[in-house]
Amino acid sequence: MNLDYAILAGFVVLGALFVGATVGVSNVLSPSKPSERKAQIYECGSDPVGPPWVQFRIGYYVYALLFVVFDIETVFLYPWAVIFSDPDLGIVIVLEMFVFVGVLVLGLLYAWKEGALTWR
């Protein structure tokens, strides 16, 4: 059991060292010639219109949060699909996942009923 944690810690340390080394090598090898032209705002090749800090409508954030919720749902559904083949836990796991997906569907229906998914 302790060997498993040691291996996991080794991977974490090696990953952190790899990231640090690649960022360090990139900083050393990359050319750096700052200029006023490079510091200007770039907007797809055309001249920018309006201020650079624009507030987005709250509707974008609601959709982003809903995307994150359902994206996390798929992360939880994958282990369920993997362990579903176990004959001892099969029906219990199916019922648990129906409850999990049902709670998410109820939340989505509530958000829809409250008008959180409409553009105003």
PDB file of N, CA and C in Angstrom:
ATOM      1  N   MET A   1       0.825  -1.199   0.000  1.00  0.00           N
ATOM      2  CA  MET A   1       0.000   0.000   0.000  1.00  0.00           C
ATOM      3  C   MET A   1       0.862   1.251   0.000  1.00  0.00           C
ATOM      4  N   ASN A   2       1.918   1.271   0.822  1.00  0.00           N
ATOM      5  CA  ASN A   2       2.785   2.443   0.868  1.00  0.00           C
ATOM      6  C   ASN A   2       3.574   2.589  -0.422  1.00  0.00           C
ATOM      7  N   LEU A   3       3.879   1.473  -1.075  1.00  0.00           N
ATOM      8  CA  LEU A   3       4.593   1.522  -2.346  1.00  0.00           C
ATOM      9  C   LEU A   3       3.742   2.216  -3.416  1.00  0.00           C
ATOM     10  N   ASP A   4       2.426   2.000  -3.356  1.00  0.00           N
ATOM     11  CA  ASP A   4       1.539   2.665  -4.313  1.00  0.00           C
ATOM     12  C   ASP A   4       1.606   4.180  -4.149  1.00  0.00           C
ATOM     13  N   TYR A   5       1.590   4.640  -2.915  1.00  0.00           N
ATOM     14  CA  TYR A   5       1.683   6.084  -2.662  1.00  0.00           C
ATOM     15  C   TYR A   5       3.039   6.631  -3.081  1.00  0.00           C
ATOM     16  N   ALA A   6       4.089   5.850  -2.880  1.00  0.00           N
ATOM     17  CA  ALA A   6       5.428   6.293  -3.277  1.00  0.00           C
ATOM     18  C   ALA A   6       5.518   6.420  -4.795  1.00  0.00           C
ATOM     19  N   ILE A   7       4.935   5.477  -5.511  1.00  0.00           N
ATOM     20  CA  ILE A   7       4.931   5.547  -6.966  1.00  0.00           C
ATOM     21  C   ILE A   7       4.123   6.746  -7.437  1.00  0.00           C
ATOM     22  N   LEU A   8       2.967   6.962  -6.828  1.00  0.00           N
ATOM     23  CA  LEU A   8       2.143   8.117  -7.175  1.00  0.00           C
ATOM     24  C   LEU A   8       2.879   9.418  -6.886  1.00  0.00           C
ATOM     25  N   ALA A   9       3.527   9.523  -5.744  1.00  0.00           N
ATOM     26  CA  ALA A   9       4.290  10.724  -5.406  1.00  0.00           C
ATOM     27  C   ALA A   9       5.441  10.918  -6.387  1.00  0.00           C
ATOM     28  N   GLY A  10       6.067   9.820  -6.797  1.00  0.00           N
ATOM     29  CA  GLY A  10       7.140   9.923  -7.781  1.00  0.00           C
ATOM     30  C   GLY A  10       6.647  10.485  -9.105  1.00  0.00           C
ATOM     31  N   PHE A  11       5.472  10.037  -9.558  1.00  0.00           N
ATOM     32  CA  PHE A  11       4.909  10.565 -10.792  1.00  0.00           C
ATOM     33  C   PHE A  11       4.578  12.050 -10.662  1.00  0.00           C
ATOM     34  N   VAL A  12       4.040  12.452  -9.518  1.00  0.00           N
ATOM     35  CA  VAL A  12       3.722  13.864  -9.301  1.00  0.00           C
ATOM     36  C   VAL A  12       4.993  14.705  -9.330  1.00  0.00           C
ATOM     37  N   VAL A  13       6.030  14.238  -8.647  1.00  0.00           N
ATOM     38  CA  VAL A  13       7.294  14.979  -8.619  1.00  0.00           C
ATOM     39  C   VAL A  13       7.906  15.035 -10.015  1.00  0.00           C
ATOM     40  N   LEU A  14       7.932  13.900 -10.726  1.00  0.00           N
ATOM     41  CA  LEU A  14       8.480  13.899 -12.083  1.00  0.00           C
ATOM     42  C   LEU A  14       7.681  14.807 -13.016  1.00  0.00           C
ATOM     43  N   GLY A  15       6.362  14.809 -12.868  1.00  0.00           N
ATOM     44  CA  GLY A  15       5.531  15.694 -13.682  1.00  0.00           C
ATOM     45  C   GLY A  15       5.828  17.153 -13.408  1.00  0.00           C
ATOM     46  N   ALA A  16       5.956  17.511 -12.124  1.00  0.00           N
ATOM     47  CA  ALA A  16       6.263  18.896 -11.767  1.00  0.00           C
ATOM     48  C   ALA A  16       7.644  19.294 -12.270  1.00  0.00           C
ATOM     49  N   LEU A  17       8.622  18.399 -12.155  1.00  0.00           N
ATOM     50  CA  LEU A  17       9.960  18.691 -12.667  1.00  0.00           C
ATOM     51  C   LEU A  17       9.951  18.854 -14.184  1.00  0.00           C
ATOM     52  N   PHE A  18       9.202  18.012 -14.875  1.00  0.00           N
ATOM     53  CA  PHE A  18       9.118  18.117 -16.327  1.00  0.00           C
ATOM     54  C   PHE A  18       8.508  19.454 -16.745  1.00  0.00           C
ATOM     55  N   VAL A  19       7.426  19.846 -16.100  1.00  0.00           N
ATOM     56  CA  VAL A  19       6.788  21.123 -16.425  1.00  0.00           C
ATOM     57  C   VAL A  19       7.743  22.274 -16.133  1.00  0.00           C
ATOM     58  N   GLY A  20       8.379  22.250 -14.984  1.00  0.00           N
ATOM     59  CA  GLY A  20       9.329  23.309 -14.639  1.00  0.00           C
ATOM     60  C   GLY A  20      10.499  23.374 -15.604  1.00  0.00           C
ATOM     61  N   ALA A  21      11.015  22.207 -16.000  1.00  0.00           N
ATOM     62  CA  ALA A  21      12.140  22.178 -16.929  1.00  0.00           C
ATOM     63  C   ALA A  21      11.744  22.707 -18.300  1.00  0.00           C
ATOM     64  N   THR A  22      10.584  22.321 -18.802  1.00  0.00           N
ATOM     65  CA  THR A  22      10.175  22.788 -20.130  1.00  0.00           C
ATOM     66  C   THR A  22       9.886  24.280 -20.134  1.00  0.00           C
ATOM     67  N   VAL A  23       9.280  24.799 -19.074  1.00  0.00           N
ATOM     68  CA  VAL A  23       9.040  26.243 -18.989  1.00  0.00           C
ATOM     69  C   VAL A  23      10.374  26.986 -18.883  1.00  0.00           C
ATOM     70  N   GLY A  24      11.305  26.468 -18.085  1.00  0.00           N
ATOM     71  CA  GLY A  24      12.617  27.103 -17.944  1.00  0.00           C
ATOM     72  C   GLY A  24      13.390  27.104 -19.249  1.00  0.00           C
ATOM     73  N   VAL A  25      13.427  25.970 -19.951  1.00  0.00           N
ATOM     74  CA  VAL A  25      14.125  25.897 -21.234  1.00  0.00           C
ATOM     75  C   VAL A  25      13.468  26.824 -22.251  1.00  0.00           C
ATOM     76  N   SER A  26      12.156  26.901 -22.243  1.00  0.00           N
ATOM     77  CA  SER A  26      11.442  27.798 -23.154  1.00  0.00           C
ATOM     78  C   SER A  26      11.811  29.249 -22.882  1.00  0.00           C
ATOM     79  N   ASN A  27      11.905  29.638 -21.618  1.00  0.00           N
ATOM     80  CA  ASN A  27      12.274  31.013 -21.284  1.00  0.00           C
ATOM     81  C   ASN A  27      13.706  31.329 -21.683  1.00  0.00           C
ATOM     82  N   VAL A  28      14.588  30.350 -21.576  1.00  0.00           N
ATOM     83  CA  VAL A  28      15.991  30.584 -21.925  1.00  0.00           C
ATOM     84  C   VAL A  28      16.179  30.652 -23.439  1.00  0.00           C
ATOM     85  N   LEU A  29      15.526  29.782 -24.187  1.00  0.00           N
ATOM     86  CA  LEU A  29      15.753  29.682 -25.616  1.00  0.00           C
ATOM     87  C   LEU A  29      14.895  30.615 -26.469  1.00  0.00           C
ATOM     88  N   SER A  30      13.780  31.095 -25.957  1.00  0.00           N
ATOM     89  CA  SER A  30      12.891  31.911 -26.780  1.00  0.00           C
ATOM     90  C   SER A  30      13.442  33.333 -26.927  1.00  0.00           C
ATOM     91  N   PRO A  31      13.294  33.910 -28.125  1.00  0.00           N
ATOM     92  CA  PRO A  31      13.765  35.286 -28.312  1.00  0.00           C
ATOM     93  C   PRO A  31      12.811  36.264 -27.633  1.00  0.00           C
ATOM     94  N   SER A  32      13.365  37.313 -27.094  1.00  0.00           N
ATOM     95  CA  SER A  32      12.549  38.314 -26.414  1.00  0.00           C
ATOM     96  C   SER A  32      12.971  39.692 -26.895  1.00  0.00           C
ATOM     97  N   LYS A  33      12.158  40.278 -27.757  1.00  0.00           N
ATOM     98  CA  LYS A  33      12.409  41.621 -28.267  1.00  0.00           C
ATOM     99  C   LYS A  33      11.124  42.422 -28.121  1.00  0.00           C
ATOM    100  N   PRO A  34      10.838  42.909 -26.903  1.00  0.00           N
ATOM    101  CA  PRO A  34       9.597  43.657 -26.716  1.00  0.00           C
ATOM    102  C   PRO A  34       9.626  44.976 -27.496  1.00  0.00           C
ATOM    103  N   SER A  35       8.462  45.349 -28.008  1.00  0.00           N
ATOM    104  CA  SER A  35       8.334  46.625 -28.711  1.00  0.00           C
ATOM    105  C   SER A  35       6.936  47.169 -28.479  1.00  0.00           C
ATOM    106  N   GLU A  36       6.769  48.438 -28.822  1.00  0.00           N
ATOM    107  CA  GLU A  36       5.458  49.064 -28.634  1.00  0.00           C
ATOM    108  C   GLU A  36       4.419  48.426 -29.553  1.00  0.00           C
ATOM    109  N   ARG A  37       4.838  48.035 -30.727  1.00  0.00           N
ATOM    110  CA  ARG A  37       3.935  47.411 -31.695  1.00  0.00           C
ATOM    111  C   ARG A  37       3.411  46.065 -31.174  1.00  0.00           C
ATOM    112  N   LYS A  38       4.280  45.294 -30.520  1.00  0.00           N
ATOM    113  CA  LYS A  38       3.866  43.999 -29.982  1.00  0.00           C
ATOM    114  C   LYS A  38       2.948  44.147 -28.775  1.00  0.00           C
ATOM    115  N   ALA A  39       3.009  45.267 -28.080  1.00  0.00           N
ATOM    116  CA  ALA A  39       2.190  45.479 -26.893  1.00  0.00           C
ATOM    117  C   ALA A  39       0.780  45.951 -27.224  1.00  0.00           C
ATOM    118  N   GLN A  40       0.523  46.270 -28.494  1.00  0.00           N
ATOM    119  CA  GLN A  40      -0.805  46.745 -28.879  1.00  0.00           C
ATOM    120  C   GLN A  40      -1.813  45.596 -28.877  1.00  0.00           C
ATOM    121  N   ILE A  41      -3.076  45.959 -28.745  1.00  0.00           N
ATOM    122  CA  ILE A  41      -4.152  44.973 -28.753  1.00  0.00           C
ATOM    123  C   ILE A  41      -4.319  44.438 -30.169  1.00  0.00           C
ATOM    124  N   TYR A  42      -4.424  43.124 -30.289  1.00  0.00           N
ATOM    125  CA  TYR A  42      -4.595  42.483 -31.597  1.00  0.00           C
ATOM    126  C   TYR A  42      -5.964  41.842 -31.651  1.00  0.00           C
ATOM    127  N   GLU A  43      -6.717  42.184 -32.680  1.00  0.00           N
ATOM    128  CA  GLU A  43      -8.077  41.672 -32.799  1.00  0.00           C
ATOM    129  C   GLU A  43      -8.288  41.109 -34.204  1.00  0.00           C
ATOM    130  N   CYS A  44      -7.744  39.935 -34.451  1.00  0.00           N
ATOM    131  CA  CYS A  44      -7.913  39.223 -35.716  1.00  0.00           C
ATOM    132  C   CYS A  44      -7.435  40.032 -36.919  1.00  0.00           C
ATOM    133  N   GLY A  45      -6.399  40.808 -36.766  1.00  0.00           N
ATOM    134  CA  GLY A  45      -5.833  41.529 -37.884  1.00  0.00           C
ATOM    135  C   GLY A  45      -6.477  42.857 -38.186  1.00  0.00           C
ATOM    136  N   SER A  46      -7.588  43.173 -37.559  1.00  0.00           N
ATOM    137  CA  SER A  46      -8.234  44.462 -37.797  1.00  0.00           C
ATOM    138  C   SER A  46      -8.016  45.373 -36.593  1.00  0.00           C
ATOM    139  N   ASP A  47      -8.278  46.652 -36.792  1.00  0.00           N
ATOM    140  CA  ASP A  47      -8.124  47.602 -35.688  1.00  0.00           C
ATOM    141  C   ASP A  47      -9.202  47.352 -34.645  1.00  0.00           C
ATOM    142  N   PRO A  48      -8.840  47.345 -33.370  1.00  0.00           N
ATOM    143  CA  PRO A  48      -9.842  47.086 -32.329  1.00  0.00           C
ATOM    144  C   PRO A  48     -10.864  48.216 -32.237  1.00  0.00           C
ATOM    145  N   VAL A  49     -12.089  47.811 -31.902  1.00  0.00           N
ATOM    146  CA  VAL A  49     -13.174  48.777 -31.751  1.00  0.00           C
ATOM    147  C   VAL A  49     -13.644  48.724 -30.308  1.00  0.00           C
ATOM    148  N   GLY A  50     -13.655  49.843 -29.615  1.00  0.00           N
ATOM    149  CA  GLY A  50     -14.126  49.896 -28.239  1.00  0.00           C
ATOM    150  C   GLY A  50     -13.032  49.576 -27.248  1.00  0.00           C
ATOM    151  N   PRO A  51     -13.383  49.614 -25.972  1.00  0.00           N
ATOM    152  CA  PRO A  51     -12.385  49.348 -24.929  1.00  0.00           C
ATOM    153  C   PRO A  51     -12.032  47.858 -24.869  1.00  0.00           C
ATOM    154  N   PRO A  52     -10.835  47.533 -24.367  1.00  0.00           N
ATOM    155  CA  PRO A  52     -10.452  46.120 -24.304  1.00  0.00           C
ATOM    156  C   PRO A  52     -11.194  45.338 -23.225  1.00  0.00           C
ATOM    157  N   TRP A  53     -11.684  45.991 -22.176  1.00  0.00           N
ATOM    158  CA  TRP A  53     -12.389  45.300 -21.094  1.00  0.00           C
ATOM    159  C   TRP A  53     -13.886  45.492 -21.277  1.00  0.00           C
ATOM    160  N   VAL A  54     -14.537  44.456 -21.796  1.00  0.00           N
ATOM    161  CA  VAL A  54     -15.970  44.503 -22.055  1.00  0.00           C
ATOM    162  C   VAL A  54     -16.639  43.462 -21.174  1.00  0.00           C
ATOM    163  N   GLN A  55     -17.724  43.856 -20.515  1.00  0.00           N
ATOM    164  CA  GLN A  55     -18.456  42.892 -19.686  1.00  0.00           C
ATOM    165  C   GLN A  55     -19.372  42.059 -20.577  1.00  0.00           C
ATOM    166  N   PHE A  56     -19.342  40.745 -20.349  1.00  0.00           N
ATOM    167  CA  PHE A  56     -20.218  39.853 -21.080  1.00  0.00           C
ATOM    168  C   PHE A  56     -21.540  39.732 -20.344  1.00  0.00           C
ATOM    169  N   ARG A  57     -22.559  39.366 -21.084  1.00  0.00           N
ATOM    170  CA  ARG A  57     -23.862  39.153 -20.451  1.00  0.00           C
ATOM    171  C   ARG A  57     -23.793  37.936 -19.540  1.00  0.00           C
ATOM    172  N   ILE A  58     -24.583  37.946 -18.497  1.00  0.00           N
ATOM    173  CA  ILE A  58     -24.569  36.872 -17.509  1.00  0.00           C
ATOM    174  C   ILE A  58     -25.017  35.551 -18.122  1.00  0.00           C
ATOM    175  N   GLY A  59     -25.772  35.599 -19.208  1.00  0.00           N
ATOM    176  CA  GLY A  59     -26.228  34.370 -19.866  1.00  0.00           C
ATOM    177  C   GLY A  59     -25.086  33.488 -20.327  1.00  0.00           C
ATOM    178  N   TYR A  60     -23.972  34.094 -20.731  1.00  0.00           N
ATOM    179  CA  TYR A  60     -22.816  33.297 -21.147  1.00  0.00           C
ATOM    180  C   TYR A  60     -22.280  32.482 -19.976  1.00  0.00           C
ATOM    181  N   TYR A  61     -22.242  33.078 -18.810  1.00  0.00           N
ATOM    182  CA  TYR A  61     -21.727  32.379 -17.638  1.00  0.00           C
ATOM    183  C   TYR A  61     -22.653  31.234 -17.215  1.00  0.00           C
ATOM    184  N   VAL A  62     -23.951  31.431 -17.350  1.00  0.00           N
ATOM    185  CA  VAL A  62     -24.895  30.361 -17.013  1.00  0.00           C
ATOM    186  C   VAL A  62     -24.677  29.160 -17.924  1.00  0.00           C
ATOM    187  N   TYR A  63     -24.535  29.421 -19.214  1.00  0.00           N
ATOM    188  CA  TYR A  63     -24.281  28.317 -20.138  1.00  0.00           C
ATOM    189  C   TYR A  63     -22.930  27.662 -19.863  1.00  0.00           C
ATOM    190  N   ALA A  64     -21.942  28.450 -19.505  1.00  0.00           N
ATOM    191  CA  ALA A  64     -20.624  27.885 -19.189  1.00  0.00           C
ATOM    192  C   ALA A  64     -20.713  26.986 -17.959  1.00  0.00           C
ATOM    193  N   LEU A  65     -21.443  27.415 -16.939  1.00  0.00           N
ATOM    194  CA  LEU A  65     -21.598  26.590 -15.740  1.00  0.00           C
ATOM    195  C   LEU A  65     -22.367  25.308 -16.042  1.00  0.00           C
ATOM    196  N   LEU A  66     -23.389  25.401 -16.857  1.00  0.00           N
ATOM    197  CA  LEU A  66     -24.130  24.193 -17.230  1.00  0.00           C
ATOM    198  C   LEU A  66     -23.248  23.236 -18.022  1.00  0.00           C
ATOM    199  N   PHE A  67     -22.398  23.783 -18.885  1.00  0.00           N
ATOM    200  CA  PHE A  67     -21.465  22.922 -19.615  1.00  0.00           C
ATOM    201  C   PHE A  67     -20.534  22.211 -18.652  1.00  0.00           C
ATOM    202  N   VAL A  68     -20.013  22.932 -17.663  1.00  0.00           N
ATOM    203  CA  VAL A  68     -19.094  22.317 -16.700  1.00  0.00           C
ATOM    204  C   VAL A  68     -19.800  21.216 -15.923  1.00  0.00           C
ATOM    205  N   VAL A  69     -21.040  21.461 -15.504  1.00  0.00           N
ATOM    206  CA  VAL A  69     -21.789  20.451 -14.742  1.00  0.00           C
ATOM    207  C   VAL A  69     -21.955  19.180 -15.565  1.00  0.00           C
ATOM    208  N   PHE A  70     -22.359  19.315 -16.822  1.00  0.00           N
ATOM    209  CA  PHE A  70     -22.591  18.121 -17.630  1.00  0.00           C
ATOM    210  C   PHE A  70     -21.281  17.519 -18.121  1.00  0.00           C
ATOM    211  N   ASP A  71     -20.225  18.296 -18.178  1.00  0.00           N
ATOM    212  CA  ASP A  71     -18.919  17.746 -18.486  1.00  0.00           C
ATOM    213  C   ASP A  71     -18.423  16.894 -17.323  1.00  0.00           C
ATOM    214  N   ILE A  72     -18.626  17.365 -16.109  1.00  0.00           N
ATOM    215  CA  ILE A  72     -18.260  16.589 -14.920  1.00  0.00           C
ATOM    216  C   ILE A  72     -19.118  15.329 -14.835  1.00  0.00           C
ATOM    217  N   GLU A  73     -20.350  15.413 -15.290  1.00  0.00           N
ATOM    218  CA  GLU A  73     -21.208  14.225 -15.286  1.00  0.00           C
ATOM    219  C   GLU A  73     -20.576  13.114 -16.114  1.00  0.00           C
ATOM    220  N   THR A  74     -20.012  13.440 -17.247  1.00  0.00           N
ATOM    221  CA  THR A  74     -19.393  12.406 -18.070  1.00  0.00           C
ATOM    222  C   THR A  74     -18.177  11.811 -17.375  1.00  0.00           C
ATOM    223  N   VAL A  75     -17.490  12.607 -16.571  1.00  0.00           N
ATOM    224  CA  VAL A  75     -16.352  12.076 -15.811  1.00  0.00           C
ATOM    225  C   VAL A  75     -16.842  11.048 -14.798  1.00  0.00           C
ATOM    226  N   PHE A  76     -17.998  11.274 -14.213  1.00  0.00           N
ATOM    227  CA  PHE A  76     -18.545  10.320 -13.256  1.00  0.00           C
ATOM    228  C   PHE A  76     -19.189   9.122 -13.944  1.00  0.00           C
ATOM    229  N   LEU A  77     -19.645   9.279 -15.168  1.00  0.00           N
ATOM    230  CA  LEU A  77     -20.273   8.166 -15.869  1.00  0.00           C
ATOM    231  C   LEU A  77     -19.253   7.161 -16.392  1.00  0.00           C
ATOM    232  N   TYR A  78     -18.042   7.582 -16.677  1.00  0.00           N
ATOM    233  CA  TYR A  78     -17.041   6.657 -17.221  1.00  0.00           C
ATOM    234  C   TYR A  78     -16.708   5.529 -16.240  1.00  0.00           C
ATOM    235  N   PRO A  79     -16.384   5.812 -14.962  1.00  0.00           N
ATOM    236  CA  PRO A  79     -16.110   4.690 -14.049  1.00  0.00           C
ATOM    237  C   PRO A  79     -17.323   3.775 -13.878  1.00  0.00           C
ATOM    238  N   TRP A  80     -18.508   4.352 -13.945  1.00  0.00           N
ATOM    239  CA  TRP A  80     -19.713   3.539 -13.851  1.00  0.00           C
ATOM    240  C   TRP A  80     -19.759   2.533 -15.002  1.00  0.00           C
ATOM    241  N   ALA A  81     -19.430   2.999 -16.196  1.00  0.00           N
ATOM    242  CA  ALA A  81     -19.453   2.100 -17.350  1.00  0.00           C
ATOM    243  C   ALA A  81     -18.380   1.025 -17.230  1.00  0.00           C
ATOM    244  N   VAL A  82     -17.259   1.350 -16.625  1.00  0.00           N
ATOM    245  CA  VAL A  82     -16.185   0.374 -16.479  1.00  0.00           C
ATOM    246  C   VAL A  82     -16.546  -0.678 -15.456  1.00  0.00           C
ATOM    247  N   ILE A  83     -17.112  -0.284 -14.325  1.00  0.00           N
ATOM    248  CA  ILE A  83     -17.408  -1.230 -13.241  1.00  0.00           C
ATOM    249  C   ILE A  83     -18.751  -1.929 -13.450  1.00  0.00           C
ATOM    250  N   PHE A  84     -19.521  -1.484 -14.434  1.00  0.00           N
ATOM    251  CA  PHE A  84     -20.837  -2.064 -14.683  1.00  0.00           C
ATOM    252  C   PHE A  84     -20.746  -3.552 -15.013  1.00  0.00           C
ATOM    253  N   SER A  85     -19.618  -4.002 -15.523  1.00  0.00           N
ATOM    254  CA  SER A  85     -19.484  -5.406 -15.897  1.00  0.00           C
ATOM    255  C   SER A  85     -19.373  -6.339 -14.689  1.00  0.00           C
ATOM    256  N   ASP A  86     -19.190  -5.791 -13.490  1.00  0.00           N
ATOM    257  CA  ASP A  86     -19.091  -6.618 -12.281  1.00  0.00           C
ATOM    258  C   ASP A  86     -20.469  -7.188 -11.957  1.00  0.00           C
ATOM    259  N   PRO A  87     -20.644  -8.526 -11.988  1.00  0.00           N
ATOM    260  CA  PRO A  87     -21.974  -9.108 -11.784  1.00  0.00           C
ATOM    261  C   PRO A  87     -22.510  -8.918 -10.362  1.00  0.00           C
ATOM    262  N   ASP A  88     -21.637  -8.727  -9.378  1.00  0.00           N
ATOM    263  CA  ASP A  88     -22.111  -8.572  -7.998  1.00  0.00           C
ATOM    264  C   ASP A  88     -22.731  -7.196  -7.760  1.00  0.00           C
ATOM    265  N   LEU A  89     -22.230  -6.173  -8.428  1.00  0.00           N
ATOM    266  CA  LEU A  89     -22.689  -4.810  -8.180  1.00  0.00           C
ATOM    267  C   LEU A  89     -23.588  -4.262  -9.279  1.00  0.00           C
ATOM    268  N   GLY A  90     -23.849  -5.020 -10.318  1.00  0.00           N
ATOM    269  CA  GLY A  90     -24.541  -4.551 -11.509  1.00  0.00           C
ATOM    270  C   GLY A  90     -25.792  -3.739 -11.252  1.00  0.00           C
ATOM    271  N   ILE A  91     -26.803  -4.299 -10.581  1.00  0.00           N
ATOM    272  CA  ILE A  91     -28.092  -3.619 -10.414  1.00  0.00           C
ATOM    273  C   ILE A  91     -27.981  -2.431  -9.463  1.00  0.00           C
ATOM    274  N   VAL A  92     -27.143  -2.557  -8.445  1.00  0.00           N
ATOM    275  CA  VAL A  92     -26.968  -1.444  -7.497  1.00  0.00           C
ATOM    276  C   VAL A  92     -26.350  -0.247  -8.207  1.00  0.00           C
ATOM    277  N   ILE A  93     -25.362  -0.499  -9.045  1.00  0.00           N
ATOM    278  CA  ILE A  93     -24.698   0.580  -9.759  1.00  0.00           C
ATOM    279  C   ILE A  93     -25.652   1.230 -10.754  1.00  0.00           C
ATOM    280  N   VAL A  94     -26.458   0.437 -11.426  1.00  0.00           N
ATOM    281  CA  VAL A  94     -27.421   0.996 -12.376  1.00  0.00           C
ATOM    282  C   VAL A  94     -28.394   1.912 -11.651  1.00  0.00           C
ATOM    283  N   LEU A  95     -28.901   1.477 -10.508  1.00  0.00           N
ATOM    284  CA  LEU A  95     -29.838   2.308  -9.743  1.00  0.00           C
ATOM    285  C   LEU A  95     -29.173   3.595  -9.255  1.00  0.00           C
ATOM    286  N   GLU A  96     -27.934   3.493  -8.786  1.00  0.00           N
ATOM    287  CA  GLU A  96     -27.230   4.698  -8.335  1.00  0.00           C
ATOM    288  C   GLU A  96     -27.033   5.685  -9.470  1.00  0.00           C
ATOM    289  N   MET A  97     -26.710   5.194 -10.655  1.00  0.00           N
ATOM    290  CA  MET A  97     -26.489   6.101 -11.773  1.00  0.00           C
ATOM    291  C   MET A  97     -27.799   6.714 -12.255  1.00  0.00           C
ATOM    292  N   PHE A  98     -28.895   5.971 -12.185  1.00  0.00           N
ATOM    293  CA  PHE A  98     -30.177   6.564 -12.537  1.00  0.00           C
ATOM    294  C   PHE A  98     -30.532   7.684 -11.568  1.00  0.00           C
ATOM    295  N   VAL A  99     -30.233   7.487 -10.290  1.00  0.00           N
ATOM    296  CA  VAL A  99     -30.475   8.544  -9.303  1.00  0.00           C
ATOM    297  C   VAL A  99     -29.588   9.754  -9.614  1.00  0.00           C
ATOM    298  N   PHE A 100     -28.317   9.517  -9.915  1.00  0.00           N
ATOM    299  CA  PHE A 100     -27.380  10.602 -10.215  1.00  0.00           C
ATOM    300  C   PHE A 100     -27.831  11.389 -11.441  1.00  0.00           C
ATOM    301  N   VAL A 101     -28.133  10.696 -12.523  1.00  0.00           N
ATOM    302  CA  VAL A 101     -28.571  11.374 -13.745  1.00  0.00           C
ATOM    303  C   VAL A 101     -29.936  12.023 -13.520  1.00  0.00           C
ATOM    304  N   GLY A 102     -30.790  11.397 -12.731  1.00  0.00           N
ATOM    305  CA  GLY A 102     -32.097  11.990 -12.430  1.00  0.00           C
ATOM    306  C   GLY A 102     -31.978  13.313 -11.690  1.00  0.00           C
ATOM    307  N   VAL A 103     -31.069  13.388 -10.730  1.00  0.00           N
ATOM    308  CA  VAL A 103     -30.861  14.647 -10.009  1.00  0.00           C
ATOM    309  C   VAL A 103     -30.373  15.728 -10.971  1.00  0.00           C
ATOM    310  N   LEU A 104     -29.470  15.369 -11.876  1.00  0.00           N
ATOM    311  CA  LEU A 104     -28.995  16.351 -12.863  1.00  0.00           C
ATOM    312  C   LEU A 104     -30.113  16.795 -13.801  1.00  0.00           C
ATOM    313  N   VAL A 105     -30.958  15.866 -14.225  1.00  0.00           N
ATOM    314  CA  VAL A 105     -32.070  16.225 -15.105  1.00  0.00           C
ATOM    315  C   VAL A 105     -33.052  17.122 -14.368  1.00  0.00           C
ATOM    316  N   LEU A 106     -33.320  16.822 -13.102  1.00  0.00           N
ATOM    317  CA  LEU A 106     -34.217  17.692 -12.328  1.00  0.00           C
ATOM    318  C   LEU A 106     -33.635  19.098 -12.194  1.00  0.00           C
ATOM    319  N   GLY A 107     -32.336  19.195 -11.977  1.00  0.00           N
ATOM    320  CA  GLY A 107     -31.697  20.511 -11.913  1.00  0.00           C
ATOM    321  C   GLY A 107     -31.797  21.255 -13.226  1.00  0.00           C
ATOM    322  N   LEU A 108     -31.621  20.542 -14.338  1.00  0.00           N
ATOM    323  CA  LEU A 108     -31.744  21.166 -15.651  1.00  0.00           C
ATOM    324  C   LEU A 108     -33.176  21.632 -15.901  1.00  0.00           C
ATOM    325  N   LEU A 109     -34.152  20.799 -15.546  1.00  0.00           N
ATOM    326  CA  LEU A 109     -35.557  21.193 -15.718  1.00  0.00           C
ATOM    327  C   LEU A 109     -35.909  22.399 -14.853  1.00  0.00           C
ATOM    328  N   TYR A 110     -35.362  22.437 -13.633  1.00  0.00           N
ATOM    329  CA  TYR A 110     -35.610  23.590 -12.758  1.00  0.00           C
ATOM    330  C   TYR A 110     -35.018  24.868 -13.363  1.00  0.00           C
ATOM    331  N   ALA A 111     -33.787  24.775 -13.877  1.00  0.00           N
ATOM    332  CA  ALA A 111     -33.160  25.946 -14.501  1.00  0.00           C
ATOM    333  C   ALA A 111     -33.958  26.381 -15.725  1.00  0.00           C
ATOM    334  N   TRP A 112     -34.470  25.432 -16.466  1.00  0.00           N
ATOM    335  CA  TRP A 112     -35.261  25.748 -17.649  1.00  0.00           C
ATOM    336  C   TRP A 112     -36.565  26.432 -17.243  1.00  0.00           C
ATOM    337  N   LYS A 113     -37.221  25.895 -16.190  1.00  0.00           N
ATOM    338  CA  LYS A 113     -38.488  26.460 -15.719  1.00  0.00           C
ATOM    339  C   LYS A 113     -38.310  27.879 -15.183  1.00  0.00           C
ATOM    340  N   GLU A 114     -37.187  28.126 -14.520  1.00  0.00           N
ATOM    341  CA  GLU A 114     -36.925  29.451 -13.952  1.00  0.00           C
ATOM    342  C   GLU A 114     -36.496  30.466 -15.008  1.00  0.00           C
ATOM    343  N   GLY A 115     -36.257  30.008 -16.234  1.00  0.00           N
ATOM    344  CA  GLY A 115     -35.889  30.913 -17.315  1.00  0.00           C
ATOM    345  C   GLY A 115     -34.397  31.204 -17.386  1.00  0.00           C
ATOM    346  N   ALA A 116     -33.589  30.386 -16.744  1.00  0.00           N
ATOM    347  CA  ALA A 116     -32.147  30.614 -16.759  1.00  0.00           C
ATOM    348  C   ALA A 116     -31.542  30.295 -18.115  1.00  0.00           C
ATOM    349  N   LEU A 117     -32.252  29.563 -18.953  1.00  0.00           N
ATOM    350  CA  LEU A 117     -31.701  29.150 -20.236  1.00  0.00           C
ATOM    351  C   LEU A 117     -32.230  29.977 -21.407  1.00  0.00           C
ATOM    352  N   THR A 118     -32.884  31.081 -21.131  1.00  0.00           N
ATOM    353  CA  THR A 118     -33.408  31.925 -22.198  1.00  0.00           C
ATOM    354  C   THR A 118     -32.527  33.155 -22.356  1.00  0.00           C
ATOM    355  N   TRP A 119     -32.368  33.588 -23.596  1.00  0.00           N
ATOM    356  CA  TRP A 119     -31.608  34.820 -23.852  1.00  0.00           C
ATOM    357  C   TRP A 119     -32.566  36.005 -23.779  1.00  0.00           C
ATOM    358  N   ARG A 120     -32.239  36.935 -22.903  1.00  0.00           N
ATOM    359  CA  ARG A 120     -33.105  38.118 -22.763  1.00  0.00           C
ATOM    360  C   ARG A 120     -32.376  39.347 -23.179  1.00  0.00           C
TER     361      ARG A 120
END
